[in-house]
Amino acid sequence: MENASKKTLITGSKGFLGKHLMKALSGYELICFDIEDGDAGVHDFCDTKISHVFHLAAKTNVRESWDAPYSYYETNVMGTVNLLEFCRKIGASMTYVNSYPYGSPEYLPIDEKHPCNPNSVYNHSKYLAEDICRFYAAHYGVSVTVLRLFNVYGSGQNDSFLIPHIIKQALYSSRIELMDLEPKRDYVYVADVIEAMTLTAGLDGFRIYNVGSGEARSVRDVCDCILTVAGVRKPIVSQESKRKNEVTDIAADITKIRTELNWNPRTSFEDGIKQTIRHYEIGE
């Protein structure tokens, strides 16, 4: 990032990604916004000295989104509209952090031109917000960079996510119990994702980039790696239960971000797991 003298707004600053981003930008003048500061959809953002917005705030629970769709559309869509309006009025640029929008892949690896077919209320709300970003860029000249994140992991992630869920069982339970061992995902370490974010500050125009590792790993592969790194042997039990609209195989094509921003994931999966486990072992 450049222009350290200018202010940067981070929404969702106390979330998993927000906390890591704040550490990475500790030398910059940051304005932080989180849920206790109000609803991003109606909050009056008024600091005209802000030059860039990292918009991370969102409701993110996929299962909950099926039961409470209105609140997900309200928060994730209208929160983004409000931030875009703020950027439009003061001339700030934005980094919009999206989730995986593609649904079941038509081909692998998945590039940014792949059709988007969101497979949950959560993913759909995030994709609608992305489309509004595109509109504001085209018709109001707001510079927005969209990062489509694949499966991010690392220290501080909620235990409802797969990797921390497995790690806790590997360290503290007699066995590892999971719904399904077959689905393959593209896992990318949080420090690499944060580096990608910082590269987008102040970019002009409208851009979309995949952020992933470019490799797919099954749930069983993840379990095996975690057990090996932790130095333990425990039984792995599968309920063989499929989630609603489950996608079985995902891998990102990261050619575009590698070419245009010179970004590459630096952390191997094994090293990322080592660093994540370390944080559990030392109680962070």
Protein backbone atom coordinates (compact mmCIF):
# COMPACT_ATOMS: atom_id res chain seq x y z
CA MET A 1 0.00 0.00 0.00
CA GLU A 2 1.02 3.55 -0.67
CA ASN A 3 -0.06 6.93 0.72
CA ALA A 4 0.38 6.10 4.39
CA SER A 5 -0.72 9.65 5.26
CA LYS A 6 -4.24 8.99 3.96
CA LYS A 7 -6.91 7.22 5.95
CA THR A 8 -8.12 3.71 5.20
CA LEU A 9 -11.51 2.38 6.31
CA ILE A 10 -11.87 -1.30 7.22
CA THR A 11 -15.38 -2.64 7.74
CA GLY A 12 -15.66 -5.93 9.58
CA SER A 13 -12.46 -5.02 11.39
CA LYS A 14 -12.98 -7.48 14.24
CA GLY A 15 -13.73 -10.46 12.03
CA PHE A 16 -11.30 -13.19 11.02
CA LEU A 17 -9.93 -11.34 7.99
CA GLY A 18 -10.34 -7.89 9.51
CA LYS A 19 -8.08 -8.63 12.46
CA HIS A 20 -5.33 -9.95 10.19
CA LEU A 21 -5.68 -6.98 7.84
CA MET A 22 -5.43 -4.51 10.72
CA LYS A 23 -2.15 -6.11 11.81
CA ALA A 24 -0.78 -5.95 8.28
CA LEU A 25 -1.67 -2.24 8.03
CA SER A 26 -0.58 -1.29 11.54
CA GLY A 27 1.62 1.54 10.21
CA TYR A 28 -1.27 3.27 8.44
CA GLU A 29 -4.01 5.55 9.70
CA LEU A 30 -6.97 3.19 9.99
CA ILE A 31 -10.64 3.83 10.63
CA CYS A 32 -12.25 0.64 11.85
CA PHE A 33 -15.94 -0.26 11.71
CA ASP A 34 -17.58 -3.36 13.14
CA ILE A 35 -20.99 -4.56 14.22
CA GLU A 36 -20.97 -2.73 17.56
CA ASP A 37 -20.52 0.53 15.62
CA GLY A 38 -23.88 0.02 13.93
CA ASP A 39 -25.44 -1.42 10.78
CA ALA A 40 -23.24 -0.88 7.71
CA GLY A 41 -26.40 -0.53 5.63
CA VAL A 42 -27.52 2.66 7.36
CA HIS A 43 -24.42 3.98 9.12
CA ASP A 44 -23.42 7.53 8.19
CA PHE A 45 -19.85 7.21 6.97
CA CYS A 46 -18.72 10.81 6.77
CA ASP A 47 -14.90 11.06 7.00
CA THR A 48 -13.97 12.75 3.71
CA LYS A 49 -10.24 12.08 4.20
CA ILE A 50 -10.61 8.33 3.63
CA SER A 51 -8.93 7.33 0.37
CA HIS A 52 -9.67 3.58 0.33
CA VAL A 53 -12.23 1.19 1.82
CA PHE A 54 -11.69 -2.49 2.54
CA HIS A 55 -15.24 -3.78 2.76
CA LEU A 56 -15.18 -7.04 4.72
CA ALA A 57 -18.31 -6.68 6.87
CA ALA A 58 -20.92 -9.33 6.11
CA LYS A 59 -23.10 -12.03 7.58
CA THR A 60 -21.31 -15.26 6.65
CA ASN A 61 -23.03 -18.38 8.04
CA VAL A 62 -24.15 -20.47 5.06
CA ARG A 63 -26.58 -22.67 7.00
CA GLU A 64 -28.12 -19.72 8.83
CA SER A 65 -28.59 -17.87 5.56
CA TRP A 66 -31.10 -20.47 4.37
CA ASP A 67 -33.27 -19.80 7.44
CA ALA A 68 -32.86 -16.02 7.52
CA PRO A 69 -32.52 -14.86 3.90
CA TYR A 70 -33.92 -11.37 4.46
CA SER A 71 -31.27 -10.43 7.01
CA TYR A 72 -28.50 -11.70 4.71
CA TYR A 73 -29.70 -9.69 1.73
CA GLU A 74 -30.30 -6.66 3.94
CA THR A 75 -26.84 -6.71 5.52
CA ASN A 76 -24.68 -7.97 2.67
CA VAL A 77 -26.33 -6.10 -0.20
CA MET A 78 -27.43 -2.84 1.39
CA GLY A 79 -24.26 -2.59 3.48
CA THR A 80 -22.28 -2.67 0.25
CA VAL A 81 -24.58 -0.12 -1.42
CA ASN A 82 -24.07 2.27 1.49
CA LEU A 83 -20.26 1.93 1.26
CA LEU A 84 -20.36 2.44 -2.50
CA GLU A 85 -22.41 5.59 -2.01
CA PHE A 86 -19.82 6.79 0.49
CA CYS A 87 -17.01 6.10 -2.00
CA ARG A 88 -18.94 7.82 -4.78
CA LYS A 89 -19.40 10.99 -2.73
CA ILE A 90 -15.81 11.36 -1.51
CA GLY A 91 -13.91 9.81 -4.44
CA ALA A 92 -12.51 6.81 -2.52
CA SER A 93 -11.69 3.44 -4.03
CA MET A 94 -12.89 0.12 -2.62
CA THR A 95 -11.75 -3.46 -2.20
CA TYR A 96 -14.82 -5.68 -2.04
CA VAL A 97 -14.16 -9.09 -0.55
CA ASN A 98 -16.48 -11.66 -2.07
CA SER A 99 -16.93 -15.35 -1.35
CA TYR A 100 -16.80 -18.20 -3.87
CA PRO A 101 -19.58 -17.36 -6.41
CA TYR A 102 -19.27 -20.06 -9.06
CA GLY A 103 -21.37 -22.93 -7.75
CA SER A 104 -20.75 -26.35 -9.28
CA PRO A 105 -17.84 -25.93 -11.73
CA GLU A 106 -18.33 -26.43 -15.46
CA TYR A 107 -14.55 -26.77 -15.82
CA LEU A 108 -11.41 -26.79 -13.69
CA PRO A 109 -9.47 -24.81 -12.72
CA ILE A 110 -12.02 -22.01 -12.37
CA ASP A 111 -11.05 -18.66 -13.87
CA GLU A 112 -12.82 -15.31 -13.48
CA LYS A 113 -14.75 -15.84 -16.74
CA HIS A 114 -16.46 -18.94 -15.39
CA PRO A 115 -20.26 -18.49 -15.08
CA CYS A 116 -21.40 -17.56 -11.58
CA ASN A 117 -24.13 -19.69 -10.03
CA PRO A 118 -24.22 -19.00 -6.27
CA ASN A 119 -25.45 -22.05 -4.38
CA SER A 120 -26.62 -20.52 -1.07
CA VAL A 121 -28.40 -17.41 0.15
CA TYR A 122 -25.11 -16.22 1.60
CA ASN A 123 -23.21 -16.65 -1.67
CA HIS A 124 -26.08 -15.12 -3.63
CA SER A 125 -26.21 -12.04 -1.39
CA LYS A 126 -22.46 -11.54 -1.79
CA TYR A 127 -22.68 -11.96 -5.57
CA LEU A 128 -25.54 -9.46 -5.85
CA ALA A 129 -23.38 -6.96 -3.95
CA GLU A 130 -20.52 -7.66 -6.37
CA ASP A 131 -22.82 -6.91 -9.30
CA ILE A 132 -23.76 -3.59 -7.71
CA CYS A 133 -20.04 -2.82 -7.39
CA ARG A 134 -19.76 -3.42 -11.13
CA PHE A 135 -22.66 -1.02 -11.76
CA TYR A 136 -21.18 1.74 -9.59
CA ALA A 137 -17.85 1.37 -11.36
CA ALA A 138 -19.45 1.57 -14.82
CA HIS A 139 -21.94 4.37 -14.17
CA TYR A 140 -20.47 6.39 -11.29
CA GLY A 141 -16.76 5.88 -11.85
CA VAL A 142 -16.13 4.29 -8.45
CA SER A 143 -12.95 2.21 -8.58
CA VAL A 144 -13.65 -1.24 -7.13
CA THR A 145 -11.46 -4.32 -6.96
CA VAL A 146 -13.34 -7.53 -6.21
CA LEU A 147 -11.49 -10.42 -4.61
CA ARG A 148 -13.25 -13.76 -4.97
CA LEU A 149 -11.85 -15.77 -2.10
CA PHE A 150 -11.70 -19.52 -2.17
CA ASN A 151 -11.35 -21.40 1.17
CA VAL A 152 -9.33 -19.21 3.52
CA TYR A 153 -7.87 -20.69 6.71
CA GLY A 154 -5.54 -19.62 9.50
CA SER A 155 -5.37 -18.58 13.16
CA GLY A 156 -8.42 -16.92 14.67
CA GLN A 157 -10.96 -18.54 12.36
CA ASN A 158 -14.30 -19.59 13.85
CA ASP A 159 -14.48 -23.25 14.89
CA SER A 160 -17.50 -23.79 12.62
CA PHE A 161 -15.14 -23.77 9.63
CA LEU A 162 -13.63 -27.05 8.51
CA ILE A 163 -9.92 -26.67 9.29
CA PRO A 164 -10.25 -25.31 12.85
CA HIS A 165 -12.96 -27.91 13.45
CA ILE A 166 -10.57 -30.69 12.46
CA ILE A 167 -7.61 -29.21 14.33
CA LYS A 168 -9.54 -28.99 17.60
CA GLN A 169 -10.57 -32.63 17.30
CA ALA A 170 -7.04 -33.70 16.36
CA LEU A 171 -5.63 -31.97 19.44
CA TYR A 172 -8.33 -32.54 22.04
CA SER A 173 -10.69 -35.39 21.05
CA SER A 174 -10.33 -39.17 20.82
CA ARG A 175 -11.34 -39.20 17.16
CA ILE A 176 -12.22 -36.92 14.25
CA GLU A 177 -15.88 -36.91 13.21
CA LEU A 178 -16.94 -35.20 9.98
CA MET A 179 -19.94 -35.11 7.69
CA ASP A 180 -18.19 -36.08 4.46
CA LEU A 181 -14.57 -36.82 3.52
CA GLU A 182 -14.89 -36.50 -0.25
CA PRO A 183 -15.46 -32.83 -1.21
CA LYS A 184 -12.37 -31.10 -2.58
CA ARG A 185 -11.64 -27.44 -1.93
CA ASP A 186 -8.95 -24.89 -2.76
CA TYR A 187 -7.43 -23.77 0.56
CA VAL A 188 -5.41 -20.56 0.81
CA TYR A 189 -3.59 -19.32 3.93
CA VAL A 190 -4.84 -16.10 5.49
CA ALA A 191 -1.49 -14.26 5.32
CA ASP A 192 -1.42 -14.75 1.54
CA VAL A 193 -5.00 -13.46 1.27
CA ILE A 194 -4.11 -10.35 3.27
CA GLU A 195 -1.16 -9.69 0.98
CA ALA A 196 -3.52 -9.86 -2.00
CA MET A 197 -5.83 -7.37 -0.30
CA THR A 198 -3.07 -4.85 0.33
CA LEU A 199 -2.08 -4.97 -3.34
CA THR A 200 -5.55 -3.75 -4.36
CA ALA A 201 -5.59 -0.48 -2.42
CA GLY A 202 -6.08 2.48 -4.75
CA LEU A 203 -6.31 0.50 -7.99
CA ASP A 204 -8.42 2.21 -10.63
CA GLY A 205 -11.35 0.89 -12.65
CA PHE A 206 -13.26 -2.32 -11.99
CA ARG A 207 -11.29 -5.53 -11.49
CA ILE A 208 -12.06 -9.08 -10.40
CA TYR A 209 -9.47 -11.55 -9.13
CA ASN A 210 -9.63 -15.09 -7.83
CA VAL A 211 -7.62 -15.63 -4.65
CA GLY A 212 -6.75 -19.27 -4.03
CA SER A 213 -3.88 -21.72 -4.09
CA GLY A 214 -4.66 -23.30 -7.45
CA GLU A 215 -4.79 -26.78 -5.87
CA ALA A 216 -7.70 -28.93 -4.69
CA ARG A 217 -7.60 -31.07 -1.53
CA SER A 218 -10.23 -33.44 -0.21
CA VAL A 219 -11.46 -33.33 3.37
CA ARG A 220 -9.60 -36.59 3.96
CA ASP A 221 -6.38 -35.04 2.61
CA VAL A 222 -6.85 -32.14 5.04
CA CYS A 223 -7.35 -34.57 7.94
CA ASP A 224 -4.26 -36.56 7.02
CA CYS A 225 -2.12 -33.42 6.83
CA ILE A 226 -3.37 -32.10 10.18
CA LEU A 227 -2.78 -35.42 11.93
CA THR A 228 0.72 -35.66 10.45
CA VAL A 229 1.65 -32.11 11.44
CA ALA A 230 0.18 -32.57 14.93
CA GLY A 231 2.09 -35.84 15.32
CA VAL A 232 -0.95 -37.85 16.37
CA ARG A 233 -2.92 -40.82 15.07
CA LYS A 234 -6.68 -40.88 15.56
CA PRO A 235 -9.59 -42.55 13.78
CA ILE A 236 -11.43 -40.50 11.19
CA VAL A 237 -15.18 -41.13 11.12
CA SER A 238 -17.40 -39.93 8.26
CA GLN A 239 -21.16 -39.58 8.60
CA GLU A 240 -21.34 -39.69 4.79
CA SER A 241 -23.82 -36.84 4.94
CA LYS A 242 -23.99 -34.43 2.00
CA ARG A 243 -24.66 -30.74 2.57
CA LYS A 244 -27.40 -28.97 0.63
CA ASN A 245 -26.11 -28.01 -2.85
CA GLU A 246 -22.70 -29.50 -2.08
CA VAL A 247 -19.95 -28.85 -4.63
CA THR A 248 -17.57 -31.79 -4.91
CA ASP A 249 -14.47 -30.33 -6.54
CA ILE A 250 -13.05 -26.79 -6.56
CA ALA A 251 -9.73 -25.36 -7.74
CA ALA A 252 -8.92 -21.75 -8.61
CA ASP A 253 -7.18 -20.45 -11.69
CA ILE A 254 -5.06 -17.61 -10.28
CA THR A 255 -3.33 -16.64 -13.53
CA LYS A 256 -4.98 -13.21 -13.67
CA ILE A 257 -3.91 -11.97 -10.23
CA ARG A 258 -0.46 -13.50 -10.69
CA THR A 259 -0.02 -11.68 -14.01
CA GLU A 260 -1.58 -8.30 -13.17
CA LEU A 261 -0.62 -7.87 -9.49
CA ASN A 262 2.39 -10.19 -9.28
CA TRP A 263 0.70 -12.09 -6.44
CA ASN A 264 1.41 -15.70 -5.63
CA PRO A 265 0.47 -17.69 -2.52
CA ARG A 266 3.73 -18.04 -0.59
CA THR A 267 2.56 -20.49 2.08
CA SER A 268 2.38 -24.20 1.33
CA PHE A 269 -0.61 -26.03 2.78
CA GLU A 270 1.57 -27.96 5.22
CA ASP A 271 3.28 -24.79 6.45
CA GLY A 272 -0.06 -23.03 6.81
CA ILE A 273 -1.38 -25.92 8.89
CA LYS A 274 1.78 -25.85 11.03
CA GLN A 275 1.31 -22.15 11.74
CA THR A 276 -2.41 -22.56 12.46
CA ILE A 277 -1.83 -25.47 14.86
CA ARG A 278 0.88 -23.49 16.62
CA HIS A 279 -1.63 -20.79 17.54
CA TYR A 280 -3.90 -23.41 19.13
CA GLU A 281 -1.02 -24.96 21.05
CA ILE A 282 0.15 -21.65 22.53
CA GLY A 283 -3.40 -20.52 23.25
CA GLU A 284 -3.67 -17.56 20.90
